[in-house]
Amino acid sequence: METSELLKKVRQIEIKTKGLSQNIFAGQYHSAFKGRGMAFSEVREYSFGDDVRDIDWNVTARHSKPYIKVFEEERELTVVLLIDVSGSKNFGTQGQMKKDMLTEIAATLAFSAMQNNDKIGVIFFSDKIEKFVPPQKGKKHILYIIRELIDFQPVETKTNITQAFQYLTNAIKKRCTAFVISDFIDSAHDYSHALTIVNRKHDLVAVQVYDERETEMPNVGLMKIQDAETQLETWVDTASAQVRDNYKKWWNDRQTFMQQAFQKSHVDAVSVRTDEDYVKALMNLFNRRN
């Protein structure tokens, strides 16, 4: 993408998603994603009814009267976006590709994090870790992330979600809030165990982006299809009811596996179709966490 075209696209995404994060998500994001816990704030004189376990004995000894430690919620979060950049993102039949919606969702979450003064980083993954952008704060950093979301060109086309989860666990030492944004088309790997492990260390949220045409095969006769991840081409007789039924079963089985994996590992998740309103879907997700 040429520089001028890229900057124009970045600006369009910024205007739309920054507005959403400011006007719609601000309160929901803040309440849905809590800080790491309670941090020490100050000391004050002991008052009747205070918890004696909070007494600061060193300060008490110096002043010859009891003082207690005051704690407040530590709000600042580290947010990490795990972005699926495999070949299957370049598919869409409803006016936009999955990549476009994925980019908007990620940008909206990034601006929401910025509004909350959180650090944000990104892991781009295919069947390898394509790029890691370490968590930082600030608008300049967010705009860099959006440019990468729009224009990043992965080396590989296949998917390995397990590897992405393992990398997150190793790269981010302290507990973070992580959003994995993917179509979860990963037939070669069982990511359910890795999902459980990563959600024990971090607060993981899953966002599935998919296209309506992926859920069932149309009856249009003989059709040549290409696997976006393996590049293999094959002819399929879509007029065959058995072929269409087998494809529908494959989709349903994959969705069932994914949903059961999320439930078993206690991962909050939402699925968004490319022709649906992702704002409504994210709002529902945030509200479920409150």
C-alpha atoms as a PDB file:
ATOM      1  CA  MET A   1       0.000   0.000   0.000  1.00  0.00           C
ATOM      2  CA  GLU A   2       1.373   3.428  -0.956  1.00  0.00           C
ATOM      3  CA  THR A   3       2.258   5.794   1.885  1.00  0.00           C
ATOM      4  CA  SER A   4      -0.443   8.370   1.098  1.00  0.00           C
ATOM      5  CA  GLU A   5      -3.109   5.681   0.798  1.00  0.00           C
ATOM      6  CA  LEU A   6      -1.935   4.044   4.033  1.00  0.00           C
ATOM      7  CA  LEU A   7      -2.024   7.346   5.945  1.00  0.00           C
ATOM      8  CA  LYS A   8      -5.524   8.046   4.637  1.00  0.00           C
ATOM      9  CA  LYS A   9      -6.666   4.601   5.762  1.00  0.00           C
ATOM     10  CA  VAL A  10      -5.033   5.058   9.180  1.00  0.00           C
ATOM     11  CA  ARG A  11      -6.829   8.386   9.588  1.00  0.00           C
ATOM     12  CA  GLN A  12     -10.193   6.833   8.650  1.00  0.00           C
ATOM     13  CA  ILE A  13      -9.734   4.010  11.148  1.00  0.00           C
ATOM     14  CA  GLU A  14      -8.568   6.472  13.820  1.00  0.00           C
ATOM     15  CA  ILE A  15     -11.612   8.729  13.435  1.00  0.00           C
ATOM     16  CA  LYS A  16     -14.099   5.870  13.550  1.00  0.00           C
ATOM     17  CA  THR A  17     -12.576   3.707  16.271  1.00  0.00           C
ATOM     18  CA  LYS A  18     -11.364   6.520  18.518  1.00  0.00           C
ATOM     19  CA  GLY A  19     -14.888   7.946  18.509  1.00  0.00           C
ATOM     20  CA  LEU A  20     -16.329   4.565  19.449  1.00  0.00           C
ATOM     21  CA  SER A  21     -13.861   4.089  22.282  1.00  0.00           C
ATOM     22  CA  GLN A  22     -14.534   7.575  23.677  1.00  0.00           C
ATOM     23  CA  ASN A  23     -18.299   7.732  23.296  1.00  0.00           C
ATOM     24  CA  ILE A  24     -19.442   4.133  23.680  1.00  0.00           C
ATOM     25  CA  PHE A  25     -16.848   1.923  25.304  1.00  0.00           C
ATOM     26  CA  ALA A  26     -15.249   4.220  27.871  1.00  0.00           C
ATOM     27  CA  GLY A  27     -17.307   3.184  30.905  1.00  0.00           C
ATOM     28  CA  GLN A  28     -17.858  -0.432  29.883  1.00  0.00           C
ATOM     29  CA  TYR A  29     -14.180  -1.073  29.166  1.00  0.00           C
ATOM     30  CA  HIS A  30     -13.143   0.513  32.467  1.00  0.00           C
ATOM     31  CA  SER A  31     -15.514  -1.603  34.541  1.00  0.00           C
ATOM     32  CA  ALA A  32     -15.145  -4.822  32.526  1.00  0.00           C
ATOM     33  CA  PHE A  33     -11.363  -5.010  32.811  1.00  0.00           C
ATOM     34  CA  LYS A  34     -10.116  -4.536  36.323  1.00  0.00           C
ATOM     35  CA  GLY A  35      -6.612  -3.617  37.421  1.00  0.00           C
ATOM     36  CA  ARG A  36      -4.055  -5.991  38.900  1.00  0.00           C
ATOM     37  CA  GLY A  37      -5.238  -5.501  42.460  1.00  0.00           C
ATOM     38  CA  MET A  38      -4.653  -3.114  45.357  1.00  0.00           C
ATOM     39  CA  ALA A  39      -1.607  -0.867  45.485  1.00  0.00           C
ATOM     40  CA  PHE A  40      -0.193   1.029  48.467  1.00  0.00           C
ATOM     41  CA  SER A  41      -1.221   4.689  48.392  1.00  0.00           C
ATOM     42  CA  GLU A  42      -0.396   6.420  51.707  1.00  0.00           C
ATOM     43  CA  VAL A  43      -0.518   6.136  55.502  1.00  0.00           C
ATOM     44  CA  ARG A  44      -2.924   7.873  57.866  1.00  0.00           C
ATOM     45  CA  GLU A  45      -3.728   7.796  61.561  1.00  0.00           C
ATOM     46  CA  TYR A  46      -5.633   4.777  62.795  1.00  0.00           C
ATOM     47  CA  SER A  47      -9.385   5.350  63.329  1.00  0.00           C
ATOM     48  CA  PHE A  48     -11.788   3.193  65.284  1.00  0.00           C
ATOM     49  CA  GLY A  49     -13.042   0.382  63.047  1.00  0.00           C
ATOM     50  CA  ASP A  50      -9.963   0.212  60.801  1.00  0.00           C
ATOM     51  CA  ASP A  51      -8.517  -3.233  60.157  1.00  0.00           C
ATOM     52  CA  VAL A  52      -5.613  -3.784  62.553  1.00  0.00           C
ATOM     53  CA  ARG A  53      -3.939  -5.924  59.881  1.00  0.00           C
ATOM     54  CA  ASP A  54      -3.310  -2.706  57.905  1.00  0.00           C
ATOM     55  CA  ILE A  55      -1.289  -1.063  60.694  1.00  0.00           C
ATOM     56  CA  ASP A  56       2.124   0.150  59.506  1.00  0.00           C
ATOM     57  CA  TRP A  57       4.252  -0.791  62.518  1.00  0.00           C
ATOM     58  CA  ASN A  58       7.335   1.156  61.405  1.00  0.00           C
ATOM     59  CA  VAL A  59       5.433   4.453  61.095  1.00  0.00           C
ATOM     60  CA  THR A  60       3.521   3.678  64.293  1.00  0.00           C
ATOM     61  CA  ALA A  61       6.806   3.216  66.192  1.00  0.00           C
ATOM     62  CA  ARG A  62       8.219   6.518  64.903  1.00  0.00           C
ATOM     63  CA  HIS A  63       5.131   8.553  65.865  1.00  0.00           C
ATOM     64  CA  SER A  64       4.215   6.628  69.030  1.00  0.00           C
ATOM     65  CA  LYS A  65       0.604   6.298  67.831  1.00  0.00           C
ATOM     66  CA  PRO A  66      -0.977   3.888  65.358  1.00  0.00           C
ATOM     67  CA  TYR A  67      -0.940   4.544  61.608  1.00  0.00           C
ATOM     68  CA  ILE A  68      -2.437   2.330  58.917  1.00  0.00           C
ATOM     69  CA  LYS A  69      -1.566   1.729  55.278  1.00  0.00           C
ATOM     70  CA  VAL A  70      -4.143   2.948  52.766  1.00  0.00           C
ATOM     71  CA  PHE A  71      -4.548   0.982  49.553  1.00  0.00           C
ATOM     72  CA  GLU A  72      -6.333   1.868  46.335  1.00  0.00           C
ATOM     73  CA  GLU A  73      -7.205  -0.120  43.240  1.00  0.00           C
ATOM     74  CA  GLU A  74      -4.300  -0.315  40.818  1.00  0.00           C
ATOM     75  CA  ARG A  75      -6.128   0.514  37.619  1.00  0.00           C
ATOM     76  CA  GLU A  76      -3.381   0.509  35.043  1.00  0.00           C
ATOM     77  CA  LEU A  77      -3.456  -2.569  32.836  1.00  0.00           C
ATOM     78  CA  THR A  78      -1.178  -4.094  30.280  1.00  0.00           C
ATOM     79  CA  VAL A  79      -3.277  -5.061  27.262  1.00  0.00           C
ATOM     80  CA  VAL A  80      -1.990  -7.378  24.533  1.00  0.00           C
ATOM     81  CA  LEU A  81      -3.749  -7.989  21.226  1.00  0.00           C
ATOM     82  CA  LEU A  82      -3.064 -11.369  19.603  1.00  0.00           C
ATOM     83  CA  ILE A  83      -3.852 -10.794  15.928  1.00  0.00           C
ATOM     84  CA  ASP A  84      -4.342 -13.680  13.509  1.00  0.00           C
ATOM     85  CA  VAL A  85      -2.643 -12.694  10.231  1.00  0.00           C
ATOM     86  CA  SER A  86      -2.934 -16.101   8.517  1.00  0.00           C
ATOM     87  CA  GLY A  87      -4.203 -16.413   4.966  1.00  0.00           C
ATOM     88  CA  SER A  88      -7.826 -17.057   5.909  1.00  0.00           C
ATOM     89  CA  LYS A  89      -8.235 -13.441   7.078  1.00  0.00           C
ATOM     90  CA  ASN A  90      -8.344 -12.408   3.416  1.00  0.00           C
ATOM     91  CA  PHE A  91     -11.876 -13.671   2.890  1.00  0.00           C
ATOM     92  CA  GLY A  92     -15.185 -11.866   2.849  1.00  0.00           C
ATOM     93  CA  THR A  93     -18.432 -11.925   0.910  1.00  0.00           C
ATOM     94  CA  GLN A  94     -20.510  -9.358   2.816  1.00  0.00           C
ATOM     95  CA  GLY A  95     -18.940  -6.073   1.772  1.00  0.00           C
ATOM     96  CA  GLN A  96     -15.719  -6.405   3.755  1.00  0.00           C
ATOM     97  CA  MET A  97     -13.031  -8.957   4.428  1.00  0.00           C
ATOM     98  CA  LYS A  98     -12.449 -10.504   7.826  1.00  0.00           C
ATOM     99  CA  LYS A  99      -9.197  -8.563   7.941  1.00  0.00           C
ATOM    100  CA  ASP A 100     -11.097  -5.244   7.777  1.00  0.00           C
ATOM    101  CA  MET A 101     -13.337  -6.079  10.726  1.00  0.00           C
ATOM    102  CA  LEU A 102     -10.434  -7.547  12.670  1.00  0.00           C
ATOM    103  CA  THR A 103      -8.511  -4.296  12.159  1.00  0.00           C
ATOM    104  CA  GLU A 104     -11.412  -2.130  13.351  1.00  0.00           C
ATOM    105  CA  ILE A 105     -12.021  -4.256  16.446  1.00  0.00           C
ATOM    106  CA  ALA A 106      -8.333  -4.220  17.344  1.00  0.00           C
ATOM    107  CA  ALA A 107      -8.083  -0.449  16.807  1.00  0.00           C
ATOM    108  CA  THR A 108     -11.177   0.187  18.935  1.00  0.00           C
ATOM    109  CA  LEU A 109      -9.721  -1.897  21.773  1.00  0.00           C
ATOM    110  CA  ALA A 110      -6.392  -0.097  21.410  1.00  0.00           C
ATOM    111  CA  PHE A 111      -8.001   3.337  21.736  1.00  0.00           C
ATOM    112  CA  SER A 112     -10.108   2.095  24.663  1.00  0.00           C
ATOM    113  CA  ALA A 113      -6.905   1.025  26.378  1.00  0.00           C
ATOM    114  CA  MET A 114      -5.342   4.413  25.648  1.00  0.00           C
ATOM    115  CA  GLN A 115      -8.367   6.209  27.119  1.00  0.00           C
ATOM    116  CA  ASN A 116      -7.838   4.169  30.270  1.00  0.00           C
ATOM    117  CA  ASN A 117      -4.117   4.986  30.370  1.00  0.00           C
ATOM    118  CA  ASP A 118      -3.221   1.321  29.802  1.00  0.00           C
ATOM    119  CA  LYS A 119      -0.160   0.000  28.024  1.00  0.00           C
ATOM    120  CA  ILE A 120      -0.914  -1.943  24.852  1.00  0.00           C
ATOM    121  CA  GLY A 121       1.119  -4.356  22.774  1.00  0.00           C
ATOM    122  CA  VAL A 122       0.474  -6.650  19.808  1.00  0.00           C
ATOM    123  CA  ILE A 123       1.464 -10.154  18.791  1.00  0.00           C
ATOM    124  CA  PHE A 124       0.928 -10.853  15.078  1.00  0.00           C
ATOM    125  CA  PHE A 125       0.786 -14.610  14.467  1.00  0.00           C
ATOM    126  CA  SER A 126       0.267 -17.130  11.680  1.00  0.00           C
ATOM    127  CA  ASP A 127       1.765 -20.563  12.297  1.00  0.00           C
ATOM    128  CA  LYS A 128       4.740 -18.624  13.646  1.00  0.00           C
ATOM    129  CA  ILE A 129       5.156 -15.399  15.597  1.00  0.00           C
ATOM    130  CA  GLU A 130       5.321 -12.859  12.791  1.00  0.00           C
ATOM    131  CA  LYS A 131       5.933  -9.766  14.917  1.00  0.00           C
ATOM    132  CA  PHE A 132       5.827  -8.622  18.541  1.00  0.00           C
ATOM    133  CA  VAL A 133       5.145  -4.990  19.403  1.00  0.00           C
ATOM    134  CA  PRO A 134       5.967  -4.559  23.133  1.00  0.00           C
ATOM    135  CA  PRO A 135       3.355  -2.797  25.298  1.00  0.00           C
ATOM    136  CA  GLN A 136       3.640   0.974  25.508  1.00  0.00           C
ATOM    137  CA  LYS A 137       1.383   3.957  26.130  1.00  0.00           C
ATOM    138  CA  GLY A 138       0.451   6.943  23.992  1.00  0.00           C
ATOM    139  CA  LYS A 139      -1.298   7.983  20.804  1.00  0.00           C
ATOM    140  CA  LYS A 140       1.853   7.727  18.684  1.00  0.00           C
ATOM    141  CA  HIS A 141       2.196   4.091  19.702  1.00  0.00           C
ATOM    142  CA  ILE A 142      -1.495   3.407  18.954  1.00  0.00           C
ATOM    143  CA  LEU A 143      -1.209   4.925  15.461  1.00  0.00           C
ATOM    144  CA  TYR A 144       1.857   2.769  14.799  1.00  0.00           C
ATOM    145  CA  ILE A 145      -0.178  -0.295  15.798  1.00  0.00           C
ATOM    146  CA  ILE A 146      -3.020   0.723  13.461  1.00  0.00           C
ATOM    147  CA  ARG A 147      -0.569   1.157  10.561  1.00  0.00           C
ATOM    148  CA  GLU A 148       0.723  -2.342  11.223  1.00  0.00           C
ATOM    149  CA  LEU A 149      -2.819  -3.739  11.437  1.00  0.00           C
ATOM    150  CA  ILE A 150      -3.619  -2.279   8.025  1.00  0.00           C
ATOM    151  CA  ASP A 151      -0.403  -2.937   6.153  1.00  0.00           C
ATOM    152  CA  PHE A 152       1.411  -5.824   7.860  1.00  0.00           C
ATOM    153  CA  GLN A 153       2.463  -8.562   5.429  1.00  0.00           C
ATOM    154  CA  PRO A 154       3.000 -11.950   7.111  1.00  0.00           C
ATOM    155  CA  VAL A 155       5.612 -14.423   5.936  1.00  0.00           C
ATOM    156  CA  GLU A 156       3.431 -17.510   6.436  1.00  0.00           C
ATOM    157  CA  THR A 157      -0.230 -18.232   5.635  1.00  0.00           C
ATOM    158  CA  LYS A 158      -1.086 -21.104   8.003  1.00  0.00           C
ATOM    159  CA  THR A 159      -2.301 -20.887  11.631  1.00  0.00           C
ATOM    160  CA  ASN A 160      -0.985 -22.090  14.981  1.00  0.00           C
ATOM    161  CA  ILE A 161      -2.967 -20.553  17.837  1.00  0.00           C
ATOM    162  CA  THR A 162      -1.191 -22.708  20.437  1.00  0.00           C
ATOM    163  CA  GLN A 163       2.149 -21.152  19.543  1.00  0.00           C
ATOM    164  CA  ALA A 164       0.695 -17.660  19.934  1.00  0.00           C
ATOM    165  CA  PHE A 165      -0.562 -18.512  23.441  1.00  0.00           C
ATOM    166  CA  GLN A 166       2.805 -19.987  24.415  1.00  0.00           C
ATOM    167  CA  TYR A 167       4.607 -16.893  23.178  1.00  0.00           C
ATOM    168  CA  LEU A 168       2.268 -14.623  25.178  1.00  0.00           C
ATOM    169  CA  THR A 169       2.956 -16.614  28.348  1.00  0.00           C
ATOM    170  CA  ASN A 170       6.725 -16.333  27.855  1.00  0.00           C
ATOM    171  CA  ALA A 171       6.877 -12.735  26.602  1.00  0.00           C
ATOM    172  CA  ILE A 172       4.600 -11.035  29.142  1.00  0.00           C
ATOM    173  CA  LYS A 173       5.760 -11.875  32.652  1.00  0.00           C
ATOM    174  CA  LYS A 174       3.141 -10.000  34.680  1.00  0.00           C
ATOM    175  CA  ARG A 175      -0.573 -10.667  34.432  1.00  0.00           C
ATOM    176  CA  CYS A 176      -2.184  -8.851  31.496  1.00  0.00           C
ATOM    177  CA  THR A 177      -5.502  -8.625  29.693  1.00  0.00           C
ATOM    178  CA  ALA A 178      -5.137 -10.300  26.291  1.00  0.00           C
ATOM    179  CA  PHE A 179      -7.548 -10.262  23.358  1.00  0.00           C
ATOM    180  CA  VAL A 180      -7.061 -12.996  20.764  1.00  0.00           C
ATOM    181  CA  ILE A 181      -8.796 -11.862  17.564  1.00  0.00           C
ATOM    182  CA  SER A 182      -9.031 -14.655  15.018  1.00  0.00           C
ATOM    183  CA  ASP A 183     -11.373 -16.762  12.914  1.00  0.00           C
ATOM    184  CA  PHE A 184     -10.051 -19.760  14.915  1.00  0.00           C
ATOM    185  CA  ILE A 185      -9.601 -21.825  11.762  1.00  0.00           C
ATOM    186  CA  ASP A 186      -6.767 -24.028  13.003  1.00  0.00           C
ATOM    187  CA  SER A 187      -7.590 -27.593  12.040  1.00  0.00           C
ATOM    188  CA  ALA A 188      -4.002 -28.782  12.461  1.00  0.00           C
ATOM    189  CA  HIS A 189      -3.705 -28.024  16.185  1.00  0.00           C
ATOM    190  CA  ASP A 190      -5.706 -28.598  19.360  1.00  0.00           C
ATOM    191  CA  TYR A 191      -5.341 -25.274  21.180  1.00  0.00           C
ATOM    192  CA  SER A 192      -7.679 -26.149  24.085  1.00  0.00           C
ATOM    193  CA  HIS A 193      -4.890 -27.092  26.551  1.00  0.00           C
ATOM    194  CA  ALA A 194      -2.840 -23.996  25.724  1.00  0.00           C
ATOM    195  CA  LEU A 195      -6.005 -21.919  26.162  1.00  0.00           C
ATOM    196  CA  THR A 196      -6.421 -23.177  29.729  1.00  0.00           C
ATOM    197  CA  ILE A 197      -2.775 -22.562  30.622  1.00  0.00           C
ATOM    198  CA  VAL A 198      -2.654 -19.001  29.267  1.00  0.00           C
ATOM    199  CA  ASN A 199      -5.917 -18.025  30.964  1.00  0.00           C
ATOM    200  CA  ARG A 200      -4.530 -19.128  34.342  1.00  0.00           C
ATOM    201  CA  LYS A 201      -1.724 -16.588  34.040  1.00  0.00           C
ATOM    202  CA  HIS A 202      -3.521 -13.849  32.113  1.00  0.00           C
ATOM    203  CA  ASP A 203      -7.079 -12.596  31.600  1.00  0.00           C
ATOM    204  CA  LEU A 204      -7.771 -13.889  28.096  1.00  0.00           C
ATOM    205  CA  VAL A 205     -10.701 -12.750  25.956  1.00  0.00           C
ATOM    206  CA  ALA A 206     -11.499 -14.374  22.596  1.00  0.00           C
ATOM    207  CA  VAL A 207     -13.075 -12.574  19.633  1.00  0.00           C
ATOM    208  CA  GLN A 208     -13.988 -14.758  16.659  1.00  0.00           C
ATOM    209  CA  VAL A 209     -14.470 -12.994  13.319  1.00  0.00           C
ATOM    210  CA  TYR A 210     -16.091 -15.049  10.571  1.00  0.00           C
ATOM    211  CA  ASP A 211     -17.979 -14.663   7.297  1.00  0.00           C
ATOM    212  CA  GLU A 212     -21.517 -15.892   6.628  1.00  0.00           C
ATOM    213  CA  ARG A 213     -20.362 -17.817   3.551  1.00  0.00           C
ATOM    214  CA  GLU A 214     -18.016 -19.889   5.733  1.00  0.00           C
ATOM    215  CA  THR A 215     -20.954 -21.417   7.611  1.00  0.00           C
ATOM    216  CA  GLU A 216     -22.446 -23.232   4.636  1.00  0.00           C
ATOM    217  CA  MET A 217     -21.661 -24.022   1.021  1.00  0.00           C
ATOM    218  CA  PRO A 218     -23.928 -22.503  -1.663  1.00  0.00           C
ATOM    219  CA  ASN A 219     -25.546 -24.660  -4.337  1.00  0.00           C
ATOM    220  CA  VAL A 220     -23.886 -23.227  -7.451  1.00  0.00           C
ATOM    221  CA  GLY A 221     -22.788 -26.405  -9.227  1.00  0.00           C
ATOM    222  CA  LEU A 222     -19.157 -27.268  -9.962  1.00  0.00           C
ATOM    223  CA  MET A 223     -16.853 -24.745  -8.273  1.00  0.00           C
ATOM    224  CA  LYS A 224     -13.088 -24.437  -7.930  1.00  0.00           C
ATOM    225  CA  ILE A 225     -12.051 -23.432  -4.414  1.00  0.00           C
ATOM    226  CA  GLN A 226      -8.672 -22.546  -2.944  1.00  0.00           C
ATOM    227  CA  ASP A 227      -7.565 -23.008   0.642  1.00  0.00           C
ATOM    228  CA  ALA A 228      -6.285 -19.571   1.675  1.00  0.00           C
ATOM    229  CA  GLU A 229      -3.781 -21.092   4.097  1.00  0.00           C
ATOM    230  CA  THR A 230      -2.355 -24.006   2.083  1.00  0.00           C
ATOM    231  CA  GLN A 231      -3.011 -22.533  -1.390  1.00  0.00           C
ATOM    232  CA  LEU A 232      -4.329 -25.930  -2.501  1.00  0.00           C
ATOM    233  CA  GLU A 233      -7.025 -25.793  -5.195  1.00  0.00           C
ATOM    234  CA  THR A 234      -9.750 -28.340  -5.745  1.00  0.00           C
ATOM    235  CA  TRP A 235     -12.987 -28.725  -7.674  1.00  0.00           C
ATOM    236  CA  VAL A 236     -16.127 -29.229  -5.572  1.00  0.00           C
ATOM    237  CA  ASP A 237     -19.588 -30.235  -6.775  1.00  0.00           C
ATOM    238  CA  THR A 238     -21.716 -27.928  -4.636  1.00  0.00           C
ATOM    239  CA  ALA A 239     -24.871 -29.319  -6.290  1.00  0.00           C
ATOM    240  CA  SER A 240     -24.350 -32.469  -4.197  1.00  0.00           C
ATOM    241  CA  ALA A 241     -26.453 -32.352  -1.030  1.00  0.00           C
ATOM    242  CA  GLN A 242     -23.959 -34.694   0.667  1.00  0.00           C
ATOM    243  CA  VAL A 243     -21.063 -32.364  -0.107  1.00  0.00           C
ATOM    244  CA  ARG A 244     -22.964 -29.406   1.329  1.00  0.00           C
ATOM    245  CA  ASP A 245     -24.045 -31.423   4.386  1.00  0.00           C
ATOM    246  CA  ASN A 246     -20.480 -32.602   5.030  1.00  0.00           C
ATOM    247  CA  TYR A 247     -19.232 -29.038   4.852  1.00  0.00           C
ATOM    248  CA  LYS A 248     -21.986 -27.839   7.206  1.00  0.00           C
ATOM    249  CA  LYS A 249     -21.076 -30.617   9.661  1.00  0.00           C
ATOM    250  CA  TRP A 250     -17.405 -29.604   9.512  1.00  0.00           C
ATOM    251  CA  TRP A 251     -18.316 -26.003  10.364  1.00  0.00           C
ATOM    252  CA  ASN A 252     -20.668 -26.970  13.192  1.00  0.00           C
ATOM    253  CA  ASP A 253     -18.154 -29.416  14.695  1.00  0.00           C
ATOM    254  CA  ARG A 254     -15.428 -26.764  14.602  1.00  0.00           C
ATOM    255  CA  GLN A 255     -17.679 -24.196  16.274  1.00  0.00           C
ATOM    256  CA  THR A 256     -18.679 -26.711  18.956  1.00  0.00           C
ATOM    257  CA  PHE A 257     -15.027 -27.549  19.668  1.00  0.00           C
ATOM    258  CA  MET A 258     -14.157 -23.844  19.934  1.00  0.00           C
ATOM    259  CA  GLN A 259     -17.072 -22.994  22.239  1.00  0.00           C
ATOM    260  CA  GLN A 260     -16.423 -25.984  24.501  1.00  0.00           C
ATOM    261  CA  ALA A 261     -12.740 -25.038  24.720  1.00  0.00           C
ATOM    262  CA  PHE A 262     -13.681 -21.505  25.809  1.00  0.00           C
ATOM    263  CA  GLN A 263     -16.161 -22.782  28.397  1.00  0.00           C
ATOM    264  CA  LYS A 264     -13.780 -25.376  29.836  1.00  0.00           C
ATOM    265  CA  SER A 265     -10.959 -22.843  30.218  1.00  0.00           C
ATOM    266  CA  HIS A 266     -13.324 -20.094  31.489  1.00  0.00           C
ATOM    267  CA  VAL A 267     -12.409 -17.722  28.652  1.00  0.00           C
ATOM    268  CA  ASP A 268     -14.921 -14.975  27.865  1.00  0.00           C
ATOM    269  CA  ALA A 269     -15.661 -15.054  24.145  1.00  0.00           C
ATOM    270  CA  VAL A 270     -17.782 -13.463  21.445  1.00  0.00           C
ATOM    271  CA  SER A 271     -18.324 -14.319  17.769  1.00  0.00           C
ATOM    272  CA  VAL A 272     -18.874 -11.558  15.202  1.00  0.00           C
ATOM    273  CA  ARG A 273     -19.930 -12.082  11.582  1.00  0.00           C
ATOM    274  CA  THR A 274     -18.523  -9.688   8.980  1.00  0.00           C
ATOM    275  CA  ASP A 275     -22.011  -8.349   8.174  1.00  0.00           C
ATOM    276  CA  GLU A 276     -22.908  -7.799  11.844  1.00  0.00           C
ATOM    277  CA  ASP A 277     -22.361  -4.850  14.184  1.00  0.00           C
ATOM    278  CA  TYR A 278     -19.177  -5.559  16.134  1.00  0.00           C
ATOM    279  CA  VAL A 279     -19.962  -2.637  18.459  1.00  0.00           C
ATOM    280  CA  LYS A 280     -23.064  -4.401  19.762  1.00  0.00           C
ATOM    281  CA  ALA A 281     -21.142  -7.679  20.120  1.00  0.00           C
ATOM    282  CA  LEU A 282     -18.327  -6.069  22.122  1.00  0.00           C
ATOM    283  CA  MET A 283     -20.803  -4.186  24.318  1.00  0.00           C
ATOM    284  CA  ASN A 284     -22.531  -7.473  25.139  1.00  0.00           C
ATOM    285  CA  LEU A 285     -19.152  -9.018  25.959  1.00  0.00           C
ATOM    286  CA  PHE A 286     -18.197  -6.114  28.250  1.00  0.00           C
ATOM    287  CA  ASN A 287     -21.581  -6.175  30.001  1.00  0.00           C
ATOM    288  CA  ARG A 288     -21.263  -9.909  30.696  1.00  0.00           C
ATOM    289  CA  ARG A 289     -18.031  -9.225  32.574  1.00  0.00           C
ATOM    290  CA  ASN A 290     -19.538  -6.596  34.881  1.00  0.00           C
END
